[in-house]
PDB file of N, CA and C in Angstrom:
ATOM      1  N   MET A   1     113.224  81.609  90.791  1.00  0.00           N
ATOM      2  CA  MET A   1     114.081  82.772  90.854  1.00  0.00           C
ATOM      3  C   MET A   1     113.225  84.034  90.824  1.00  0.00           C
ATOM      4  N   ARG A   2     112.423  84.276  90.171  1.00  0.00           N
ATOM      5  CA  ARG A   2     111.523  85.537  90.246  1.00  0.00           C
ATOM      6  C   ARG A   2     111.013  85.828  91.704  1.00  0.00           C
ATOM      7  N   ASP A   3     110.556  84.641  92.166  1.00  0.00           N
ATOM      8  CA  ASP A   3     109.843  84.834  93.546  1.00  0.00           C
ATOM      9  C   ASP A   3     110.928  85.194  94.514  1.00  0.00           C
ATOM     10  N   THR A   4     112.080  84.674  94.407  1.00  0.00           N
ATOM     11  CA  THR A   4     113.137  85.032  95.410  1.00  0.00           C
ATOM     12  C   THR A   4     113.614  86.526  95.272  1.00  0.00           C
ATOM     13  N   GLN A   5     113.662  86.944  93.981  1.00  0.00           N
ATOM     14  CA  GLN A   5     114.011  88.296  93.713  1.00  0.00           C
ATOM     15  C   GLN A   5     112.991  89.185  94.228  1.00  0.00           C
ATOM     16  N   LEU A   6     111.796  88.951  93.916  1.00  0.00           N
ATOM     17  CA  LEU A   6     110.575  89.834  94.500  1.00  0.00           C
ATOM     18  C   LEU A   6     110.648  89.922  96.016  1.00  0.00           C
ATOM     19  N   LEU A   7     110.753  88.820  96.742  1.00  0.00           N
ATOM     20  CA  LEU A   7     110.907  88.822  98.123  1.00  0.00           C
ATOM     21  C   LEU A   7     112.036  89.544  98.598  1.00  0.00           C
ATOM     22  N   SER A   8     113.208  89.478  98.013  1.00  0.00           N
ATOM     23  CA  SER A   8     114.406  90.225  98.403  1.00  0.00           C
ATOM     24  C   SER A   8     114.289  91.743  98.406  1.00  0.00           C
ATOM     25  N   ILE A   9     113.611  92.289  97.424  1.00  0.00           N
ATOM     26  CA  ILE A   9     113.428  93.717  97.445  1.00  0.00           C
ATOM     27  C   ILE A   9     112.367  94.407  98.314  1.00  0.00           C
ATOM     28  N   ARG A  10     111.449  93.544  98.830  1.00  0.00           N
ATOM     29  CA  ARG A  10     110.487  94.106  99.665  1.00  0.00           C
ATOM     30  C   ARG A  10     111.009  94.634 100.985  1.00  0.00           C
ATOM     31  N   PRO A  11     110.423  95.788 101.397  1.00  0.00           N
ATOM     32  CA  PRO A  11     110.816  96.274 102.786  1.00  0.00           C
ATOM     33  C   PRO A  11     110.397  95.403 103.862  1.00  0.00           C
ATOM     34  N   LYS A  12     111.086  95.276 104.894  1.00  0.00           N
ATOM     35  CA  LYS A  12     110.621  94.394 106.067  1.00  0.00           C
ATOM     36  C   LYS A  12     109.884  95.309 106.936  1.00  0.00           C
ATOM     37  N   ILE A  13     108.741  94.777 107.331  1.00  0.00           N
ATOM     38  CA  ILE A  13     107.733  95.460 108.246  1.00  0.00           C
ATOM     39  C   ILE A  13     107.738  94.502 109.402  1.00  0.00           C
ATOM     40  N   ALA A  14     108.075  95.003 110.752  1.00  0.00           N
ATOM     41  CA  ALA A  14     108.044  94.263 111.825  1.00  0.00           C
ATOM     42  C   ALA A  14     106.555  94.291 112.440  1.00  0.00           C
ATOM     43  N   LEU A  15     105.872  93.268 112.132  1.00  0.00           N
ATOM     44  CA  LEU A  15     104.525  93.118 112.744  1.00  0.00           C
ATOM     45  C   LEU A  15     104.375  91.759 113.244  1.00  0.00           C
ATOM     46  N   GLU A  16     103.773  91.688 114.504  1.00  0.00           N
ATOM     47  CA  GLU A  16     103.388  90.377 115.049  1.00  0.00           C
ATOM     48  C   GLU A  16     102.310  89.734 114.333  1.00  0.00           C
ATOM     49  N   THR A  17     102.691  88.494 113.807  1.00  0.00           N
ATOM     50  CA  THR A  17     101.522  87.673 113.042  1.00  0.00           C
ATOM     51  C   THR A  17     101.264  86.426 113.599  1.00  0.00           C
ATOM     52  N   ALA A  18     101.782  86.064 114.647  1.00  0.00           N
ATOM     53  CA  ALA A  18     101.675  84.717 115.204  1.00  0.00           C
ATOM     54  C   ALA A  18     100.220  84.399 115.589  1.00  0.00           C
ATOM     55  N   LYS A  19      99.465  85.402 116.002  1.00  0.00           N
ATOM     56  CA  LYS A  19      98.105  85.235 116.486  1.00  0.00           C
ATOM     57  C   LYS A  19      97.123  85.694 115.500  1.00  0.00           C
ATOM     58  N   SER A  20      97.554  85.966 114.329  1.00  0.00           N
ATOM     59  CA  SER A  20      96.746  86.640 113.257  1.00  0.00           C
ATOM     60  C   SER A  20      95.968  85.643 112.414  1.00  0.00           C
ATOM     61  N   THR A  21      94.774  85.993 111.959  1.00  0.00           N
ATOM     62  CA  THR A  21      94.108  85.160 111.009  1.00  0.00           C
ATOM     63  C   THR A  21      94.865  84.979 109.653  1.00  0.00           C
ATOM     64  N   PRO A  22      94.592  84.094 108.888  1.00  0.00           N
ATOM     65  CA  PRO A  22      95.457  83.883 107.626  1.00  0.00           C
ATOM     66  C   PRO A  22      95.362  85.203 106.819  1.00  0.00           C
ATOM     67  N   GLU A  23      94.055  85.870 106.754  1.00  0.00           N
ATOM     68  CA  GLU A  23      93.986  87.094 105.984  1.00  0.00           C
ATOM     69  C   GLU A  23      94.862  88.168 106.590  1.00  0.00           C
ATOM     70  N   GLU A  24      94.857  88.233 107.966  1.00  0.00           N
ATOM     71  CA  GLU A  24      95.783  89.263 108.438  1.00  0.00           C
ATOM     72  C   GLU A  24      97.163  88.911 108.243  1.00  0.00           C
ATOM     73  N   GLN A  25      97.532  87.773 108.220  1.00  0.00           N
ATOM     74  CA  GLN A  25      98.841  87.481 107.879  1.00  0.00           C
ATOM     75  C   GLN A  25      99.241  87.746 106.440  1.00  0.00           C
ATOM     76  N   PHE A  26      98.362  87.556 105.505  1.00  0.00           N
ATOM     77  CA  PHE A  26      98.630  87.929 104.112  1.00  0.00           C
ATOM     78  C   PHE A  26      98.789  89.453 104.053  1.00  0.00           C
ATOM     79  N   GLN A  27      97.845  90.126 104.702  1.00  0.00           N
ATOM     80  CA  GLN A  27      97.852  91.562 104.713  1.00  0.00           C
ATOM     81  C   GLN A  27      99.177  92.101 105.132  1.00  0.00           C
ATOM     82  N   ASN A  28      99.684  91.494 106.364  1.00  0.00           N
ATOM     83  CA  ASN A  28     100.857  92.197 106.963  1.00  0.00           C
ATOM     84  C   ASN A  28     102.220  91.597 106.333  1.00  0.00           C
ATOM     85  N   LEU A  29     102.117  90.347 105.813  1.00  0.00           N
ATOM     86  CA  LEU A  29     103.389  89.819 105.264  1.00  0.00           C
ATOM     87  C   LEU A  29     103.556  89.999 103.858  1.00  0.00           C
ATOM     88  N   THR A  30     102.439  90.318 103.185  1.00  0.00           N
ATOM     89  CA  THR A  30     102.458  90.472 101.594  1.00  0.00           C
ATOM     90  C   THR A  30     101.999  91.852 101.116  1.00  0.00           C
ATOM     91  N   LEU A  31     100.794  92.215 101.642  1.00  0.00           N
ATOM     92  CA  LEU A  31     100.108  93.465 101.094  1.00  0.00           C
ATOM     93  C   LEU A  31     100.975  94.806 101.449  1.00  0.00           C
ATOM     94  N   ARG A  32     101.210  94.806 102.832  1.00  0.00           N
ATOM     95  CA  ARG A  32     101.750  96.029 103.381  1.00  0.00           C
ATOM     96  C   ARG A  32     103.217  96.171 102.745  1.00  0.00           C
ATOM     97  N   PRO A  33     104.064  95.135 102.723  1.00  0.00           N
ATOM     98  CA  PRO A  33     105.251  95.430 102.072  1.00  0.00           C
ATOM     99  C   PRO A  33     105.316  95.761 100.753  1.00  0.00           C
ATOM    100  N   ILE A  34     104.390  95.154  99.935  1.00  0.00           N
ATOM    101  CA  ILE A  34     104.382  95.597  98.528  1.00  0.00           C
ATOM    102  C   ILE A  34     103.797  96.930  98.396  1.00  0.00           C
ATOM    103  N   LEU A  35     102.745  97.378  99.168  1.00  0.00           N
ATOM    104  CA  LEU A  35     102.400  98.786  99.223  1.00  0.00           C
ATOM    105  C   LEU A  35     103.473  99.753  99.521  1.00  0.00           C
ATOM    106  N   LYS A  36     104.277  99.411 100.455  1.00  0.00           N
ATOM    107  CA  LYS A  36     105.400 100.266 100.884  1.00  0.00           C
ATOM    108  C   LYS A  36     106.447 100.391  99.672  1.00  0.00           C
ATOM    109  N   LEU A  37     106.754  99.238  99.151  1.00  0.00           N
ATOM    110  CA  LEU A  37     107.679  99.288  98.041  1.00  0.00           C
ATOM    111  C   LEU A  37     107.112 100.030  96.817  1.00  0.00           C
ATOM    112  N   GLN A  38     105.907  99.928  96.608  1.00  0.00           N
ATOM    113  CA  GLN A  38     105.292 100.530  95.390  1.00  0.00           C
ATOM    114  C   GLN A  38     104.740 101.991  95.530  1.00  0.00           C
ATOM    115  N   HIS A  39     104.822 102.331  96.806  1.00  0.00           N
ATOM    116  CA  HIS A  39     104.262 103.670  97.135  1.00  0.00           C
ATOM    117  C   HIS A  39     104.502 104.838  96.177  1.00  0.00           C
ATOM    118  N   PRO A  40     105.782 105.209  95.769  1.00  0.00           N
ATOM    119  CA  PRO A  40     106.000 106.365  95.031  1.00  0.00           C
ATOM    120  C   PRO A  40     105.227 105.967  93.610  1.00  0.00           C
ATOM    121  N   LEU A  41     105.247 104.948  93.070  1.00  0.00           N
ATOM    122  CA  LEU A  41     104.514 104.644  91.926  1.00  0.00           C
ATOM    123  C   LEU A  41     103.097 104.747  92.004  1.00  0.00           C
ATOM    124  N   LEU A  42     102.499 104.110  93.002  1.00  0.00           N
ATOM    125  CA  LEU A  42     101.110 104.259  93.358  1.00  0.00           C
ATOM    126  C   LEU A  42     100.584 105.679  93.275  1.00  0.00           C
ATOM    127  N   ILE A  43     101.415 106.529  94.090  1.00  0.00           N
ATOM    128  CA  ILE A  43     101.049 107.956  94.190  1.00  0.00           C
ATOM    129  C   ILE A  43     101.067 108.621  92.901  1.00  0.00           C
ATOM    130  N   ALA A  44     102.112 108.339  92.073  1.00  0.00           N
ATOM    131  CA  ALA A  44     102.284 108.902  90.712  1.00  0.00           C
ATOM    132  C   ALA A  44     101.093 108.471  89.812  1.00  0.00           C
ATOM    133  N   ALA A  45     100.731 107.242  89.928  1.00  0.00           N
ATOM    134  CA  ALA A  45      99.669 106.667  88.989  1.00  0.00           C
ATOM    135  C   ALA A  45      98.270 107.381  89.452  1.00  0.00           C
ATOM    136  N   PHE A  46      98.024 107.509  90.752  1.00  0.00           N
ATOM    137  CA  PHE A  46      96.879 108.075  91.230  1.00  0.00           C
ATOM    138  C   PHE A  46      96.825 109.573  90.775  1.00  0.00           C
ATOM    139  N   GLN A  47      97.966 110.370  90.976  1.00  0.00           N
ATOM    140  CA  GLN A  47      97.914 111.716  90.397  1.00  0.00           C
ATOM    141  C   GLN A  47      97.646 111.847  89.127  1.00  0.00           C
ATOM    142  N   LYS A  48      98.281 111.038  88.217  1.00  0.00           N
ATOM    143  CA  LYS A  48      98.035 111.017  86.692  1.00  0.00           C
ATOM    144  C   LYS A  48      96.598 110.760  86.409  1.00  0.00           C
ATOM    145  N   GLY A  49      96.126 109.602  87.172  1.00  0.00           N
ATOM    146  CA  GLY A  49      94.717 109.222  86.890  1.00  0.00           C
ATOM    147  C   GLY A  49      93.608 110.184  87.287  1.00  0.00           C
ATOM    148  N   THR A  50      94.069 111.215  88.185  1.00  0.00           N
ATOM    149  CA  THR A  50      93.094 112.089  88.876  1.00  0.00           C
ATOM    150  C   THR A  50      93.399 113.544  88.404  1.00  0.00           C
ATOM    151  N   GLN A  51      94.154 113.732  87.324  1.00  0.00           N
ATOM    152  CA  GLN A  51      94.542 115.108  86.888  1.00  0.00           C
ATOM    153  C   GLN A  51      93.207 116.008  86.780  1.00  0.00           C
ATOM    154  N   LYS A  52      92.125 115.437  86.279  1.00  0.00           N
ATOM    155  CA  LYS A  52      90.994 116.233  86.113  1.00  0.00           C
ATOM    156  C   LYS A  52      90.445 116.657  87.392  1.00  0.00           C
ATOM    157  N   HIS A  53      90.707 115.908  88.532  1.00  0.00           N
ATOM    158  CA  HIS A  53      90.247 116.382  89.762  1.00  0.00           C
ATOM    159  C   HIS A  53      91.150 117.016  90.673  1.00  0.00           C
ATOM    160  N   HIS A  54      92.392 117.171  90.013  1.00  0.00           N
ATOM    161  CA  HIS A  54      93.594 117.825  90.815  1.00  0.00           C
ATOM    162  C   HIS A  54      93.231 119.217  91.454  1.00  0.00           C
ATOM    163  N   LYS A  55      92.739 120.125  90.798  1.00  0.00           N
ATOM    164  CA  LYS A  55      92.416 121.383  91.430  1.00  0.00           C
ATOM    165  C   LYS A  55      91.377 121.319  92.496  1.00  0.00           C
ATOM    166  N   VAL A  56      90.478 120.553  92.261  1.00  0.00           N
ATOM    167  CA  VAL A  56      89.391 120.216  93.378  1.00  0.00           C
ATOM    168  C   VAL A  56      90.115 119.660  94.560  1.00  0.00           C
ATOM    169  N   LEU A  57      90.857 118.568  94.392  1.00  0.00           N
ATOM    170  CA  LEU A  57      91.461 117.935  95.442  1.00  0.00           C
ATOM    171  C   LEU A  57      92.369 118.906  96.212  1.00  0.00           C
ATOM    172  N   GLN A  58      93.132 119.707  95.587  1.00  0.00           N
ATOM    173  CA  GLN A  58      94.125 120.636  96.308  1.00  0.00           C
ATOM    174  C   GLN A  58      93.312 121.702  97.111  1.00  0.00           C
ATOM    175  N   ASN A  59      92.090 122.097  96.636  1.00  0.00           N
ATOM    176  CA  ASN A  59      91.456 123.206  97.275  1.00  0.00           C
ATOM    177  C   ASN A  59      90.519 122.715  98.403  1.00  0.00           C
ATOM    178  N   LEU A  60      90.352 121.373  98.689  1.00  0.00           N
ATOM    179  CA  LEU A  60      89.478 120.914  99.607  1.00  0.00           C
ATOM    180  C   LEU A  60      90.102 120.773 100.984  1.00  0.00           C
ATOM    181  N   PRO A  61      89.419 120.987 102.070  1.00  0.00           N
ATOM    182  CA  PRO A  61      90.016 120.791 103.283  1.00  0.00           C
ATOM    183  C   PRO A  61      90.353 119.173 103.573  1.00  0.00           C
ATOM    184  N   GLN A  62      91.128 118.920 104.481  1.00  0.00           N
ATOM    185  CA  GLN A  62      91.690 117.652 104.592  1.00  0.00           C
ATOM    186  C   GLN A  62      90.667 116.519 104.650  1.00  0.00           C
ATOM    187  N   PRO A  63      89.620 116.594 105.504  1.00  0.00           N
ATOM    188  CA  PRO A  63      88.566 115.498 105.621  1.00  0.00           C
ATOM    189  C   PRO A  63      87.762 115.376 104.265  1.00  0.00           C
ATOM    190  N   ALA A  64      87.388 116.477 103.544  1.00  0.00           N
ATOM    191  CA  ALA A  64      86.782 116.264 102.278  1.00  0.00           C
ATOM    192  C   ALA A  64      87.762 115.677 101.252  1.00  0.00           C
ATOM    193  N   ARG A  65      88.940 116.033 101.146  1.00  0.00           N
ATOM    194  CA  ARG A  65      89.858 115.506 100.351  1.00  0.00           C
ATOM    195  C   ARG A  65      90.066 114.011 100.496  1.00  0.00           C
ATOM    196  N   GLN A  66      90.160 113.541 101.754  1.00  0.00           N
ATOM    197  CA  GLN A  66      90.167 112.143 101.967  1.00  0.00           C
ATOM    198  C   GLN A  66      89.044 111.475 101.459  1.00  0.00           C
ATOM    199  N   ALA A  67      87.765 112.033 101.749  1.00  0.00           N
ATOM    200  CA  ALA A  67      86.577 111.325 101.149  1.00  0.00           C
ATOM    201  C   ALA A  67      86.469 111.295  99.726  1.00  0.00           C
ATOM    202  N   LEU A  68      87.085 112.414  99.102  1.00  0.00           N
ATOM    203  CA  LEU A  68      87.021 112.413  97.673  1.00  0.00           C
ATOM    204  C   LEU A  68      87.905 111.354  97.025  1.00  0.00           C
ATOM    205  N   VAL A  69      89.193 111.154  97.794  1.00  0.00           N
ATOM    206  CA  VAL A  69      90.161 109.998  97.304  1.00  0.00           C
ATOM    207  C   VAL A  69      89.442 108.734  97.409  1.00  0.00           C
ATOM    208  N   ALA A  70      88.761 108.371  98.495  1.00  0.00           N
ATOM    209  CA  ALA A  70      87.963 107.253  98.488  1.00  0.00           C
ATOM    210  C   ALA A  70      86.949 106.990  97.512  1.00  0.00           C
ATOM    211  N   GLU A  71      86.241 108.247  97.295  1.00  0.00           N
ATOM    212  CA  GLU A  71      85.200 108.154  96.350  1.00  0.00           C
ATOM    213  C   GLU A  71      85.746 107.882  94.792  1.00  0.00           C
ATOM    214  N   ILE A  72      86.917 108.457  94.528  1.00  0.00           N
ATOM    215  CA  ILE A  72      87.532 108.308  93.128  1.00  0.00           C
ATOM    216  C   ILE A  72      88.042 106.796  93.060  1.00  0.00           C
ATOM    217  N   ILE A  73      88.581 106.168  94.221  1.00  0.00           N
ATOM    218  CA  ILE A  73      89.001 104.787  94.068  1.00  0.00           C
ATOM    219  C   ILE A  73      87.671 103.860  93.769  1.00  0.00           C
ATOM    220  N   ARG A  74      86.612 104.201  94.349  1.00  0.00           N
ATOM    221  CA  ARG A  74      85.449 103.417  94.304  1.00  0.00           C
ATOM    222  C   ARG A  74      84.647 103.612  93.053  1.00  0.00           C
ATOM    223  N   SER A  75      84.789 104.770  92.416  1.00  0.00           N
ATOM    224  CA  SER A  75      84.065 105.003  91.191  1.00  0.00           C
ATOM    225  C   SER A  75      84.863 104.965  89.963  1.00  0.00           C
ATOM    226  N   ASP A  76      86.135 105.097  90.000  1.00  0.00           N
ATOM    227  CA  ASP A  76      86.963 105.123  88.718  1.00  0.00           C
ATOM    228  C   ASP A  76      87.510 103.702  88.579  1.00  0.00           C
ATOM    229  N   HIS A  77      86.765 102.759  87.973  1.00  0.00           N
ATOM    230  CA  HIS A  77      87.191 101.400  87.937  1.00  0.00           C
ATOM    231  C   HIS A  77      88.416 101.289  87.141  1.00  0.00           C
ATOM    232  N   ARG A  78      88.714 101.945  86.147  1.00  0.00           N
ATOM    233  CA  ARG A  78      89.915 101.816  85.316  1.00  0.00           C
ATOM    234  C   ARG A  78      91.130 102.139  86.230  1.00  0.00           C
ATOM    235  N   LEU A  79      91.246 103.239  86.979  1.00  0.00           N
ATOM    236  CA  LEU A  79      92.182 103.659  87.828  1.00  0.00           C
ATOM    237  C   LEU A  79      92.275 102.588  89.021  1.00  0.00           C
ATOM    238  N   ARG A  80      91.227 102.126  89.390  1.00  0.00           N
ATOM    239  CA  ARG A  80      91.325 101.135  90.598  1.00  0.00           C
ATOM    240  C   ARG A  80      92.025  99.796  90.103  1.00  0.00           C
ATOM    241  N   GLN A  81      91.538  99.493  89.050  1.00  0.00           N
ATOM    242  CA  GLN A  81      92.259  98.228  88.392  1.00  0.00           C
ATOM    243  C   GLN A  81      93.699  98.391  88.189  1.00  0.00           C
ATOM    244  N   LEU A  82      94.122  99.662  87.681  1.00  0.00           N
ATOM    245  CA  LEU A  82      95.559  99.902  87.528  1.00  0.00           C
ATOM    246  C   LEU A  82      96.422  99.750  88.776  1.00  0.00           C
ATOM    247  N   LEU A  83      95.728 100.322  89.844  1.00  0.00           N
ATOM    248  CA  LEU A  83      96.512 100.443  91.046  1.00  0.00           C
ATOM    249  C   LEU A  83      96.514  99.038  91.699  1.00  0.00           C
ATOM    250  N   ILE A  84      95.483  98.197  91.550  1.00  0.00           N
ATOM    251  CA  ILE A  84      95.388  96.757  92.049  1.00  0.00           C
ATOM    252  C   ILE A  84      96.493  96.106  91.287  1.00  0.00           C
ATOM    253  N   GLY A  85      96.492  96.193  90.016  1.00  0.00           N
ATOM    254  CA  GLY A  85      97.476  95.563  89.026  1.00  0.00           C
ATOM    255  C   GLY A  85      98.871  95.804  89.528  1.00  0.00           C
ATOM    256  N   MET A  86      99.168  96.867  89.770  1.00  0.00           N
ATOM    257  CA  MET A  86     100.565  97.231  90.343  1.00  0.00           C
ATOM    258  C   MET A  86     100.982  96.524  91.582  1.00  0.00           C
ATOM    259  N   VAL A  87     100.066  96.167  92.442  1.00  0.00           N
ATOM    260  CA  VAL A  87     100.246  95.454  93.630  1.00  0.00           C
ATOM    261  C   VAL A  87     100.283  93.898  93.362  1.00  0.00           C
ATOM    262  N   ILE A  88      99.313  93.401  92.549  1.00  0.00           N
ATOM    263  CA  ILE A  88      99.219  91.949  92.338  1.00  0.00           C
ATOM    264  C   ILE A  88     100.399  91.611  91.315  1.00  0.00           C
ATOM    265  N   GLY A  89     100.924  92.462  90.596  1.00  0.00           N
ATOM    266  CA  GLY A  89     102.212  92.174  89.755  1.00  0.00           C
ATOM    267  C   GLY A  89     103.355  91.930  90.697  1.00  0.00           C
ATOM    268  N   GLN A  90     103.318  92.279  91.883  1.00  0.00           N
ATOM    269  CA  GLN A  90     104.571  92.004  92.799  1.00  0.00           C
ATOM    270  C   GLN A  90     104.273  90.779  93.622  1.00  0.00           C
ATOM    271  N   PHE A  91     103.307  90.098  93.435  1.00  0.00           N
ATOM    272  CA  PHE A  91     103.077  88.763  94.123  1.00  0.00           C
ATOM    273  C   PHE A  91     103.909  87.635  93.686  1.00  0.00           C
ATOM    274  N   THR A  92     104.329  86.757  94.483  1.00  0.00           N
ATOM    275  CA  THR A  92     104.956  85.570  94.138  1.00  0.00           C
ATOM    276  C   THR A  92     103.843  84.568  93.554  1.00  0.00           C
ATOM    277  N   ALA A  93     104.278  83.465  92.938  1.00  0.00           N
ATOM    278  CA  ALA A  93     103.239  82.488  92.407  1.00  0.00           C
ATOM    279  C   ALA A  93     102.480  82.069  93.583  1.00  0.00           C
ATOM    280  N   ASP A  94     103.123  81.740  94.692  1.00  0.00           N
ATOM    281  CA  ASP A  94     102.373  81.105  95.838  1.00  0.00           C
ATOM    282  C   ASP A  94     101.356  82.187  96.437  1.00  0.00           C
ATOM    283  N   GLU A  95     101.808  83.378  96.566  1.00  0.00           N
ATOM    284  CA  GLU A  95     100.927  84.550  97.023  1.00  0.00           C
ATOM    285  C   GLU A  95      99.669  84.726  96.048  1.00  0.00           C
ATOM    286  N   TYR A  96      99.987  84.660  94.891  1.00  0.00           N
ATOM    287  CA  TYR A  96      98.847  84.753  93.870  1.00  0.00           C
ATOM    288  C   TYR A  96      97.893  83.668  94.038  1.00  0.00           C
ATOM    289  N   ALA A  97      98.349  82.498  94.217  1.00  0.00           N
ATOM    290  CA  ALA A  97      97.519  81.252  94.556  1.00  0.00           C
ATOM    291  C   ALA A  97      96.540  81.558  95.839  1.00  0.00           C
ATOM    292  N   VAL A  98      97.290  82.017  96.809  1.00  0.00           N
ATOM    293  CA  VAL A  98      96.517  82.422  98.115  1.00  0.00           C
ATOM    294  C   VAL A  98      95.462  83.444  97.856  1.00  0.00           C
ATOM    295  N   PHE A  99      95.892  84.409  97.137  1.00  0.00           N
ATOM    296  CA  PHE A  99      94.990  85.627  96.885  1.00  0.00           C
ATOM    297  C   PHE A  99      93.855  85.221  96.077  1.00  0.00           C
ATOM    298  N   THR A 100      94.042  84.343  94.954  1.00  0.00           N
ATOM    299  CA  THR A 100      92.880  83.915  94.168  1.00  0.00           C
ATOM    300  C   THR A 100      91.948  83.042  95.007  1.00  0.00           C
ATOM    301  N   GLN A 101      92.446  82.290  96.029  1.00  0.00           N
ATOM    302  CA  GLN A 101      91.575  81.433  96.766  1.00  0.00           C
ATOM    303  C   GLN A 101      90.713  82.186  97.608  1.00  0.00           C
ATOM    304  N   ASN A 102      91.282  83.327  98.163  1.00  0.00           N
ATOM    305  CA  ASN A 102      90.522  84.268  99.167  1.00  0.00           C
ATOM    306  C   ASN A 102      90.270  85.630  98.529  1.00  0.00           C
ATOM    307  N   GLU A 103      89.815  85.618  97.431  1.00  0.00           N
ATOM    308  CA  GLU A 103      89.958  86.970  96.551  1.00  0.00           C
ATOM    309  C   GLU A 103      89.034  87.872  97.301  1.00  0.00           C
ATOM    310  N   ALA A 104      87.810  87.722  97.536  1.00  0.00           N
ATOM    311  CA  ALA A 104      86.954  88.729  98.026  1.00  0.00           C
ATOM    312  C   ALA A 104      87.382  89.408  99.397  1.00  0.00           C
ATOM    313  N   PRO A 105      87.821  88.667 100.429  1.00  0.00           N
ATOM    314  CA  PRO A 105      88.272  89.263 101.591  1.00  0.00           C
ATOM    315  C   PRO A 105      89.635  90.020 101.445  1.00  0.00           C
ATOM    316  N   LEU A 106      90.477  89.398 100.651  1.00  0.00           N
ATOM    317  CA  LEU A 106      91.799  89.933 100.431  1.00  0.00           C
ATOM    318  C   LEU A 106      91.860  91.166  99.582  1.00  0.00           C
ATOM    319  N   MET A 107      90.833  91.213  98.585  1.00  0.00           N
ATOM    320  CA  MET A 107      90.741  92.454  97.857  1.00  0.00           C
ATOM    321  C   MET A 107      90.073  93.477  98.636  1.00  0.00           C
ATOM    322  N   ARG A 108      89.252  93.343  99.494  1.00  0.00           N
ATOM    323  CA  ARG A 108      88.739  94.368 100.374  1.00  0.00           C
ATOM    324  C   ARG A 108      89.885  94.956 101.310  1.00  0.00           C
ATOM    325  N   ARG A 109      90.730  94.150 101.855  1.00  0.00           N
ATOM    326  CA  ARG A 109      91.862  94.624 102.459  1.00  0.00           C
ATOM    327  C   ARG A 109      92.640  95.276 101.623  1.00  0.00           C
ATOM    328  N   LEU A 110      93.030  94.887 100.405  1.00  0.00           N
ATOM    329  CA  LEU A 110      93.978  95.605  99.553  1.00  0.00           C
ATOM    330  C   LEU A 110      93.406  96.952  99.321  1.00  0.00           C
ATOM    331  N   ILE A 111      92.104  97.120  98.990  1.00  0.00           N
ATOM    332  CA  ILE A 111      91.643  98.275  98.661  1.00  0.00           C
ATOM    333  C   ILE A 111      91.636  99.299  99.806  1.00  0.00           C
ATOM    334  N   ALA A 112      91.266  98.831 101.034  1.00  0.00           N
ATOM    335  CA  ALA A 112      91.260  99.529 102.276  1.00  0.00           C
ATOM    336  C   ALA A 112      92.658 100.228 102.490  1.00  0.00           C
ATOM    337  N   LEU A 113      93.674  99.292 102.354  1.00  0.00           N
ATOM    338  CA  LEU A 113      95.024  99.708 102.574  1.00  0.00           C
ATOM    339  C   LEU A 113      95.506 100.624 101.484  1.00  0.00           C
ATOM    340  N   LEU A 114      95.126 100.520 100.287  1.00  0.00           N
ATOM    341  CA  LEU A 114      95.409 101.428  99.217  1.00  0.00           C
ATOM    342  C   LEU A 114      94.871 102.715  99.408  1.00  0.00           C
ATOM    343  N   VAL A 115      93.556 102.741  99.731  1.00  0.00           N
ATOM    344  CA  VAL A 115      92.836 104.084  99.996  1.00  0.00           C
ATOM    345  C   VAL A 115      93.479 104.832 101.207  1.00  0.00           C
ATOM    346  N   GLN A 116      93.936 104.036 102.337  1.00  0.00           N
ATOM    347  CA  GLN A 116      94.607 104.693 103.548  1.00  0.00           C
ATOM    348  C   GLN A 116      95.822 105.408 103.004  1.00  0.00           C
ATOM    349  N   ARG A 117      96.558 104.606 102.181  1.00  0.00           N
ATOM    350  CA  ARG A 117      97.928 105.135 101.771  1.00  0.00           C
ATOM    351  C   ARG A 117      97.746 106.342 100.833  1.00  0.00           C
ATOM    352  N   LEU A 118      96.758 106.351  99.991  1.00  0.00           N
ATOM    353  CA  LEU A 118      96.573 107.444  99.152  1.00  0.00           C
ATOM    354  C   LEU A 118      96.024 108.657  99.983  1.00  0.00           C
ATOM    355  N   GLN A 119      95.282 108.480 100.846  1.00  0.00           N
ATOM    356  CA  GLN A 119      94.615 109.480 101.572  1.00  0.00           C
ATOM    357  C   GLN A 119      95.665 110.186 102.450  1.00  0.00           C
ATOM    358  N   SER A 120      96.717 109.382 102.874  1.00  0.00           N
ATOM    359  CA  SER A 120      97.729 110.007 103.597  1.00  0.00           C
ATOM    360  C   SER A 120      98.534 110.907 102.840  1.00  0.00           C
ATOM    361  N   GLU A 121      98.669 110.764 101.594  1.00  0.00           N
ATOM    362  CA  GLU A 121      99.406 111.728 100.795  1.00  0.00           C
ATOM    363  C   GLU A 121      98.731 112.685 100.039  1.00  0.00           C
ATOM    364  N   MET A 122      97.525 112.703 100.099  1.00  0.00           N
ATOM    365  CA  MET A 122      96.707 113.771  99.384  1.00  0.00           C
ATOM    366  C   MET A 122      96.268 114.953 100.391  1.00  0.00           C
TER     367      MET A 122
END
């Protein structure tokens, strides 16, 4: 029942996945919809977690701001784990099993998508 409810609230993203690798399919069918669903919460958590950097972020030109966002995600382990947890918490049981079996490459994809999403908002 939980899995059905989770899947029903996710936004639909029209992407061709027939010729994709399993990791690309997971990225496009699971990670992207969850990131889109959780977008406002992820932004709010990032802003709250970076309050000490807020003035610096606002005063930087766009390329430097994007670099700082990536650096914050790389260096602030607590904030990174919080953001990752917000995404993993939306997995179904089957998706979680797939994620744990392929954790390293899927985690890299998750972090890259998360950084891109945050950079587009900052």
